[in-house]
């Protein structure tokens, strides 16, 4: 009779993916975007956007123009950006 050593499920599981900036796990955020050996969550992206917007007064206008050229976005991306997507009134 041959005996096989059973592998421990936790020992073979890969570690959870975490944001390289805030260290939140993938399950704690809405989106985790991968780069070369790094990850960034949607919350850190939003914070970066706020920082850049505060430092560059023309930034919002440039972003709006850029979004309007992207064909994969809904027909009115600016309207969608202004809508509340959190589900709170």
Protein backbone atom coordinates (compact mmCIF):
# COMPACT_ATOMS: atom_id res chain seq x y z
CA UNK A 1 0.00 0.00 0.00
CA UNK A 2 1.31 3.43 -0.93
CA UNK A 3 0.86 6.35 1.44
CA UNK A 4 0.74 9.90 0.15
CA UNK A 5 1.57 12.81 2.35
CA UNK A 6 -1.38 15.19 2.44
CA UNK A 7 -0.45 18.79 1.84
CA UNK A 8 -1.76 21.31 4.31
CA UNK A 9 -4.19 23.60 2.49
CA UNK A 10 -2.87 26.75 4.22
CA UNK A 11 0.74 25.88 3.50
CA UNK A 12 0.06 25.71 -0.24
CA UNK A 13 -2.22 28.75 -0.43
CA UNK A 14 -0.65 31.85 -1.89
CA UNK A 15 -0.51 34.93 0.32
CA UNK A 16 -3.31 37.46 -0.18
CA UNK A 17 -2.70 40.28 -2.62
CA UNK A 18 -2.30 43.66 -0.90
CA UNK A 19 -2.03 47.28 -1.99
CA UNK A 20 1.61 48.34 -2.05
CA UNK A 21 0.67 51.77 -0.67
CA UNK A 22 -1.86 51.17 2.12
CA UNK A 23 -1.41 47.40 2.70
CA UNK A 24 -5.14 46.66 2.48
CA UNK A 25 -5.96 43.19 1.22
CA UNK A 26 -7.81 42.64 -2.02
CA UNK A 27 -10.98 41.64 -0.14
CA UNK A 28 -10.98 45.01 1.70
CA UNK A 29 -11.10 47.21 -1.41
CA UNK A 30 -13.29 47.47 -4.48
CA UNK A 31 -10.44 47.06 -6.97
CA UNK A 32 -6.76 46.11 -6.83
CA UNK A 33 -4.74 46.93 -9.94
CA UNK A 34 -1.52 45.05 -10.64
CA UNK A 35 1.72 46.51 -11.91
CA UNK A 36 5.17 44.94 -12.17
CA UNK A 37 5.57 43.50 -8.65
CA UNK A 38 3.26 46.15 -7.14
CA UNK A 39 -0.45 46.65 -6.58
CA UNK A 40 -2.55 49.76 -6.01
CA UNK A 41 -6.14 49.86 -4.75
CA UNK A 42 -8.96 52.10 -5.91
CA UNK A 43 -8.82 54.05 -2.62
CA UNK A 44 -5.15 54.97 -3.09
CA UNK A 45 -5.83 55.94 -6.71
CA UNK A 46 -8.59 58.28 -5.52
CA UNK A 47 -6.21 59.83 -2.99
CA UNK A 48 -3.57 60.32 -5.70
CA UNK A 49 -6.15 62.00 -7.92
CA UNK A 50 -7.03 64.41 -5.11
CA UNK A 51 -3.37 65.27 -4.52
CA UNK A 52 -2.69 65.92 -8.21
CA UNK A 53 -5.90 67.95 -8.56
CA UNK A 54 -4.90 70.21 -5.66
CA UNK A 55 -1.47 70.88 -7.18
CA UNK A 56 -2.56 71.45 -10.79
CA UNK A 57 -5.52 73.73 -11.45
CA UNK A 58 -5.81 72.67 -15.13
CA UNK A 59 -5.74 68.97 -14.35
CA UNK A 60 -9.52 68.45 -14.24
CA UNK A 61 -10.04 70.01 -17.67
CA UNK A 62 -7.28 67.85 -19.21
CA UNK A 63 -8.77 64.70 -17.67
CA UNK A 64 -12.26 65.56 -18.95
CA UNK A 65 -10.90 66.04 -22.48
CA UNK A 66 -9.00 62.77 -22.28
CA UNK A 67 -12.04 60.83 -21.02
CA UNK A 68 -14.16 62.15 -23.86
CA UNK A 69 -11.78 60.54 -26.39
CA UNK A 70 -11.95 57.03 -24.87
CA UNK A 71 -14.32 54.91 -26.92
CA UNK A 72 -14.78 52.18 -24.28
CA UNK A 73 -16.43 54.56 -21.80
CA UNK A 74 -20.17 55.16 -21.56
CA UNK A 75 -21.61 57.84 -23.83
CA UNK A 76 -21.43 60.47 -21.07
CA UNK A 77 -18.41 59.69 -18.85
CA UNK A 78 -18.48 63.09 -17.16
CA UNK A 79 -22.07 62.56 -15.97
CA UNK A 80 -21.09 59.10 -14.67
CA UNK A 81 -18.10 60.56 -12.79
CA UNK A 82 -20.36 62.97 -10.98
CA UNK A 83 -22.87 60.28 -9.92
CA UNK A 84 -22.64 58.74 -6.49
CA UNK A 85 -21.56 55.10 -6.91
CA UNK A 86 -21.35 54.26 -3.21
CA UNK A 87 -25.06 53.55 -2.86
CA UNK A 88 -25.48 56.17 -0.16
CA UNK A 89 -28.15 58.83 -0.52
